[in-house]
Amino acid sequence: MRWNLRLTAANKGVWKASELQRSLAEHGLVISAGKMSGLWSGQPVSLKLEDLDVICVVLGCEIGDLLIPEPEKVSRPGQAETERAAVGAGTVAPAVIPKRRDGRSLPPE
């Protein structure tokens, strides 16, 4: 899914995150400046369905305006391995090192 809040808001005449934040607060949804920044400029990791309802009411939009499906990004189990094997037959894949999303380091092993 692609998060489309900023474009949806612009189409409704809302150009600033702070403006949307005030309108959401007037409807009972108080969002911190940090979380509002994430909603406005990025893709949220999680969002309550009740919060989506308030956002839709404030912007006068449908959920489909905020969340755009991207079915081409969905792969079936085993599909990625099959495609990699076909493309890179005989090559060794590099080890994947997990990273945290919040930028903090992982604990020592």
N, C-alpha and C. Protein backbone atom coordinates (compact mmCIF):
# COMPACT_ATOMS: atom_id res chain seq x y z
N MET A 1 0.83 -1.18 0.00
CA MET A 1 0.00 0.00 0.00
C MET A 1 0.88 1.25 0.00
N ARG A 2 0.43 2.24 -0.71
CA ARG A 2 1.13 3.53 -0.73
C ARG A 2 0.28 4.54 0.04
N TRP A 3 0.90 5.26 0.95
CA TRP A 3 0.24 6.27 1.78
C TRP A 3 0.17 7.56 0.99
N ASN A 4 -1.02 8.12 0.86
CA ASN A 4 -1.26 9.24 -0.04
C ASN A 4 -1.88 10.44 0.69
N LEU A 5 -1.51 10.65 1.95
CA LEU A 5 -2.13 11.71 2.75
C LEU A 5 -1.84 13.10 2.19
N ARG A 6 -0.59 13.36 1.87
CA ARG A 6 -0.21 14.71 1.47
C ARG A 6 -0.93 15.16 0.20
N LEU A 7 -1.00 14.31 -0.80
CA LEU A 7 -1.68 14.66 -2.04
C LEU A 7 -3.19 14.79 -1.82
N THR A 8 -3.75 13.89 -1.03
CA THR A 8 -5.19 13.96 -0.73
C THR A 8 -5.51 15.27 -0.02
N ALA A 9 -4.69 15.63 0.96
CA ALA A 9 -4.89 16.89 1.68
C ALA A 9 -4.78 18.08 0.74
N ALA A 10 -3.78 18.07 -0.13
CA ALA A 10 -3.60 19.18 -1.07
C ALA A 10 -4.81 19.31 -1.99
N ASN A 11 -5.36 18.19 -2.42
CA ASN A 11 -6.55 18.22 -3.28
C ASN A 11 -7.75 18.81 -2.56
N LYS A 12 -7.72 18.80 -1.22
CA LYS A 12 -8.81 19.36 -0.41
C LYS A 12 -8.47 20.76 0.10
N GLY A 13 -7.32 21.30 -0.36
CA GLY A 13 -6.95 22.66 0.03
C GLY A 13 -6.16 22.76 1.32
N VAL A 14 -5.67 21.64 1.84
CA VAL A 14 -4.87 21.65 3.06
C VAL A 14 -3.42 21.51 2.63
N TRP A 15 -2.61 22.55 2.86
CA TRP A 15 -1.24 22.57 2.36
C TRP A 15 -0.19 22.38 3.42
N LYS A 16 -0.56 22.48 4.70
CA LYS A 16 0.42 22.37 5.77
C LYS A 16 0.00 21.30 6.76
N ALA A 17 0.99 20.57 7.27
CA ALA A 17 0.73 19.53 8.26
C ALA A 17 0.10 20.12 9.51
N SER A 18 0.55 21.31 9.91
CA SER A 18 0.03 21.94 11.12
C SER A 18 -1.45 22.28 10.97
N GLU A 19 -1.85 22.65 9.78
CA GLU A 19 -3.26 22.95 9.51
C GLU A 19 -4.11 21.70 9.67
N LEU A 20 -3.63 20.59 9.11
CA LEU A 20 -4.35 19.32 9.25
C LEU A 20 -4.36 18.87 10.70
N GLN A 21 -3.24 19.05 11.39
CA GLN A 21 -3.14 18.67 12.80
C GLN A 21 -4.18 19.41 13.64
N ARG A 22 -4.36 20.71 13.40
CA ARG A 22 -5.37 21.48 14.14
C ARG A 22 -6.78 20.97 13.83
N SER A 23 -7.05 20.69 12.58
CA SER A 23 -8.38 20.21 12.20
C SER A 23 -8.66 18.84 12.82
N LEU A 24 -7.65 17.98 12.86
CA LEU A 24 -7.83 16.67 13.47
C LEU A 24 -8.11 16.82 14.97
N ALA A 25 -7.39 17.73 15.63
CA ALA A 25 -7.60 17.97 17.06
C ALA A 25 -9.02 18.47 17.34
N GLU A 26 -9.55 19.32 16.44
CA GLU A 26 -10.92 19.80 16.60
C GLU A 26 -11.94 18.68 16.52
N HIS A 27 -11.55 17.57 15.88
CA HIS A 27 -12.43 16.40 15.77
C HIS A 27 -12.07 15.31 16.77
N GLY A 28 -11.21 15.65 17.75
CA GLY A 28 -10.90 14.73 18.84
C GLY A 28 -9.68 13.86 18.64
N LEU A 29 -8.95 14.05 17.54
CA LEU A 29 -7.75 13.26 17.30
C LEU A 29 -6.52 14.15 17.50
N VAL A 30 -5.91 14.02 18.69
CA VAL A 30 -4.73 14.81 19.02
C VAL A 30 -3.50 14.01 18.64
N ILE A 31 -2.70 14.57 17.75
CA ILE A 31 -1.51 13.90 17.24
C ILE A 31 -0.29 14.76 17.58
N SER A 32 0.75 14.11 18.09
CA SER A 32 1.99 14.84 18.41
C SER A 32 2.62 15.38 17.13
N ALA A 33 3.48 16.37 17.30
CA ALA A 33 4.17 16.96 16.14
C ALA A 33 5.01 15.92 15.42
N GLY A 34 5.67 15.05 16.17
CA GLY A 34 6.50 14.01 15.56
C GLY A 34 5.70 13.02 14.74
N LYS A 35 4.59 12.56 15.31
CA LYS A 35 3.76 11.61 14.58
C LYS A 35 3.11 12.29 13.36
N MET A 36 2.72 13.55 13.51
CA MET A 36 2.13 14.27 12.39
C MET A 36 3.14 14.42 11.27
N SER A 37 4.37 14.68 11.62
CA SER A 37 5.43 14.79 10.61
C SER A 37 5.58 13.48 9.86
N GLY A 38 5.54 12.38 10.58
CA GLY A 38 5.63 11.06 9.94
C GLY A 38 4.46 10.77 9.03
N LEU A 39 3.26 11.13 9.47
CA LEU A 39 2.07 10.92 8.64
C LEU A 39 2.12 11.79 7.38
N TRP A 40 2.60 13.01 7.54
CA TRP A 40 2.61 13.97 6.45
C TRP A 40 3.67 13.66 5.40
N SER A 41 4.87 13.31 5.86
CA SER A 41 5.98 13.19 4.93
C SER A 41 6.43 11.76 4.66
N GLY A 42 5.91 10.80 5.36
CA GLY A 42 6.35 9.42 5.15
C GLY A 42 5.20 8.46 5.03
N GLN A 43 5.49 7.23 5.30
CA GLN A 43 4.47 6.19 5.29
C GLN A 43 4.38 5.64 6.71
N PRO A 44 3.21 5.71 7.34
CA PRO A 44 3.12 5.27 8.73
C PRO A 44 3.34 3.77 8.85
N VAL A 45 3.99 3.38 9.94
CA VAL A 45 4.20 1.96 10.22
C VAL A 45 2.90 1.35 10.70
N SER A 46 2.17 2.09 11.52
CA SER A 46 0.87 1.62 12.00
C SER A 46 -0.04 2.84 12.19
N LEU A 47 -1.33 2.58 12.06
CA LEU A 47 -2.32 3.65 12.21
C LEU A 47 -3.63 2.99 12.62
N LYS A 48 -4.26 3.52 13.65
CA LYS A 48 -5.53 2.95 14.11
C LYS A 48 -6.63 3.22 13.10
N LEU A 49 -7.53 2.28 12.97
CA LEU A 49 -8.65 2.44 12.05
C LEU A 49 -9.52 3.63 12.45
N GLU A 50 -9.65 3.87 13.76
CA GLU A 50 -10.43 5.01 14.23
C GLU A 50 -9.79 6.33 13.77
N ASP A 51 -8.45 6.35 13.77
CA ASP A 51 -7.73 7.54 13.32
C ASP A 51 -7.96 7.76 11.82
N LEU A 52 -7.98 6.68 11.06
CA LEU A 52 -8.26 6.80 9.63
C LEU A 52 -9.64 7.38 9.39
N ASP A 53 -10.61 6.96 10.21
CA ASP A 53 -11.97 7.50 10.11
C ASP A 53 -11.96 9.02 10.29
N VAL A 54 -11.25 9.49 11.31
CA VAL A 54 -11.20 10.93 11.60
C VAL A 54 -10.52 11.67 10.45
N ILE A 55 -9.42 11.13 9.95
CA ILE A 55 -8.71 11.76 8.84
C ILE A 55 -9.64 11.87 7.63
N CYS A 56 -10.38 10.81 7.34
CA CYS A 56 -11.31 10.84 6.20
C CYS A 56 -12.42 11.87 6.40
N VAL A 57 -12.94 11.99 7.62
CA VAL A 57 -13.98 12.98 7.90
C VAL A 57 -13.44 14.39 7.72
N VAL A 58 -12.26 14.65 8.28
CA VAL A 58 -11.67 15.99 8.21
C VAL A 58 -11.38 16.38 6.76
N LEU A 59 -10.85 15.44 5.98
CA LEU A 59 -10.50 15.75 4.60
C LEU A 59 -11.66 15.55 3.62
N GLY A 60 -12.75 14.96 4.11
CA GLY A 60 -13.88 14.70 3.22
C GLY A 60 -13.50 13.75 2.10
N CYS A 61 -12.77 12.69 2.45
CA CYS A 61 -12.30 11.75 1.44
C CYS A 61 -12.69 10.32 1.81
N GLU A 62 -12.37 9.41 0.93
CA GLU A 62 -12.59 7.98 1.15
C GLU A 62 -11.25 7.33 1.52
N ILE A 63 -11.30 6.16 2.11
CA ILE A 63 -10.09 5.45 2.49
C ILE A 63 -9.22 5.15 1.27
N GLY A 64 -9.86 4.93 0.13
CA GLY A 64 -9.14 4.66 -1.11
C GLY A 64 -8.34 5.85 -1.61
N ASP A 65 -8.66 7.05 -1.11
CA ASP A 65 -7.87 8.23 -1.46
C ASP A 65 -6.56 8.27 -0.67
N LEU A 66 -6.59 7.70 0.54
CA LEU A 66 -5.42 7.72 1.41
C LEU A 66 -4.51 6.51 1.21
N LEU A 67 -5.09 5.37 0.92
CA LEU A 67 -4.32 4.14 0.75
C LEU A 67 -4.47 3.64 -0.68
N ILE A 68 -3.38 3.64 -1.42
CA ILE A 68 -3.39 3.22 -2.81
C ILE A 68 -2.79 1.81 -2.90
N PRO A 69 -3.57 0.83 -3.36
CA PRO A 69 -3.04 -0.53 -3.47
C PRO A 69 -1.90 -0.62 -4.48
N GLU A 70 -0.92 -1.44 -4.19
CA GLU A 70 0.20 -1.70 -5.09
C GLU A 70 0.39 -3.21 -5.22
N PRO A 71 -0.54 -3.89 -5.92
CA PRO A 71 -0.48 -5.35 -5.99
C PRO A 71 0.77 -5.89 -6.66
N GLU A 72 1.42 -5.09 -7.50
CA GLU A 72 2.64 -5.55 -8.17
C GLU A 72 3.79 -5.78 -7.20
N LYS A 73 3.69 -5.24 -6.00
CA LYS A 73 4.74 -5.42 -5.00
C LYS A 73 4.55 -6.69 -4.16
N VAL A 74 3.46 -7.39 -4.38
CA VAL A 74 3.18 -8.60 -3.61
C VAL A 74 3.77 -9.80 -4.35
N SER A 75 4.54 -10.62 -3.63
CA SER A 75 5.09 -11.83 -4.25
C SER A 75 4.57 -13.05 -3.50
N ARG A 76 4.53 -14.14 -4.21
CA ARG A 76 4.10 -15.40 -3.60
C ARG A 76 5.29 -16.05 -2.90
N PRO A 77 5.02 -16.86 -1.88
CA PRO A 77 6.12 -17.57 -1.22
C PRO A 77 6.90 -18.40 -2.24
N GLY A 78 8.23 -18.27 -2.20
CA GLY A 78 9.08 -19.01 -3.13
C GLY A 78 9.31 -18.31 -4.44
N GLN A 79 8.49 -17.32 -4.77
CA GLN A 79 8.62 -16.62 -6.05
C GLN A 79 9.94 -15.86 -6.13
N ALA A 80 10.31 -15.18 -5.07
CA ALA A 80 11.54 -14.40 -5.08
C ALA A 80 12.76 -15.31 -5.23
N GLU A 81 12.78 -16.46 -4.55
CA GLU A 81 13.90 -17.38 -4.66
C GLU A 81 14.01 -17.94 -6.07
N THR A 82 12.89 -18.25 -6.68
CA THR A 82 12.89 -18.79 -8.04
C THR A 82 13.42 -17.77 -9.02
N GLU A 83 12.99 -16.51 -8.88
CA GLU A 83 13.45 -15.46 -9.77
C GLU A 83 14.94 -15.19 -9.59
N ARG A 84 15.41 -15.17 -8.34
CA ARG A 84 16.83 -14.95 -8.08
C ARG A 84 17.67 -16.09 -8.65
N ALA A 85 17.19 -17.32 -8.51
CA ALA A 85 17.93 -18.47 -9.03
C ALA A 85 18.05 -18.40 -10.54
N ALA A 86 16.99 -17.95 -11.20
CA ALA A 86 17.02 -17.85 -12.66
C ALA A 86 17.94 -16.73 -13.12
N VAL A 87 17.95 -15.61 -12.40
CA VAL A 87 18.76 -14.46 -12.80
C VAL A 87 20.22 -14.66 -12.44
N GLY A 88 20.48 -15.10 -11.23
CA GLY A 88 21.87 -15.18 -10.77
C GLY A 88 22.35 -16.59 -10.56
N ALA A 89 22.09 -17.48 -11.48
CA ALA A 89 22.52 -18.87 -11.33
C ALA A 89 24.03 -18.92 -11.17
N GLY A 90 24.47 -19.59 -10.11
CA GLY A 90 25.89 -19.76 -9.89
C GLY A 90 26.52 -18.67 -9.05
N THR A 91 25.76 -17.63 -8.67
CA THR A 91 26.32 -16.57 -7.83
C THR A 91 25.87 -16.78 -6.40
N VAL A 92 26.66 -16.27 -5.48
CA VAL A 92 26.33 -16.39 -4.06
C VAL A 92 25.73 -15.07 -3.59
N ALA A 93 24.56 -15.15 -2.96
CA ALA A 93 23.90 -13.94 -2.46
C ALA A 93 24.61 -13.44 -1.21
N PRO A 94 24.75 -12.13 -1.07
CA PRO A 94 25.39 -11.59 0.14
C PRO A 94 24.51 -11.81 1.36
N ALA A 95 25.14 -11.90 2.52
CA ALA A 95 24.39 -12.09 3.76
C ALA A 95 23.56 -10.85 4.05
N VAL A 96 22.36 -11.07 4.57
CA VAL A 96 21.48 -9.96 4.92
C VAL A 96 21.69 -9.62 6.38
N ILE A 97 21.98 -8.36 6.65
CA ILE A 97 22.20 -7.91 8.02
C ILE A 97 20.99 -7.09 8.43
N PRO A 98 20.21 -7.57 9.43
CA PRO A 98 19.01 -6.83 9.82
C PRO A 98 19.36 -5.49 10.44
N LYS A 99 18.52 -4.49 10.17
CA LYS A 99 18.67 -3.16 10.75
C LYS A 99 17.35 -2.74 11.34
N ARG A 100 17.42 -2.00 12.42
CA ARG A 100 16.21 -1.49 13.04
C ARG A 100 15.73 -0.28 12.26
N ARG A 101 14.42 -0.08 12.24
CA ARG A 101 13.84 1.05 11.52
C ARG A 101 14.05 2.37 12.23
N ASP A 102 14.26 2.33 13.53
CA ASP A 102 14.39 3.56 14.29
C ASP A 102 15.83 4.07 14.35
N GLY A 103 16.75 3.41 13.66
CA GLY A 103 18.12 3.87 13.59
C GLY A 103 19.02 3.41 14.73
N ARG A 104 18.47 2.77 15.75
CA ARG A 104 19.27 2.30 16.87
C ARG A 104 19.99 1.03 16.46
N SER A 105 21.11 0.74 17.12
CA SER A 105 21.87 -0.45 16.80
C SER A 105 21.21 -1.68 17.43
N LEU A 106 21.52 -2.83 16.86
CA LEU A 106 21.00 -4.09 17.39
C LEU A 106 21.84 -4.50 18.60
N PRO A 107 21.26 -5.29 19.51
CA PRO A 107 22.04 -5.76 20.66
C PRO A 107 23.14 -6.71 20.21
N PRO A 108 24.23 -6.83 20.97
CA PRO A 108 25.32 -7.74 20.58
C PRO A 108 24.84 -9.18 20.65
N GLU A 109 25.46 -10.01 19.84
CA GLU A 109 25.06 -11.44 19.82
C GLU A 109 25.68 -12.21 20.93
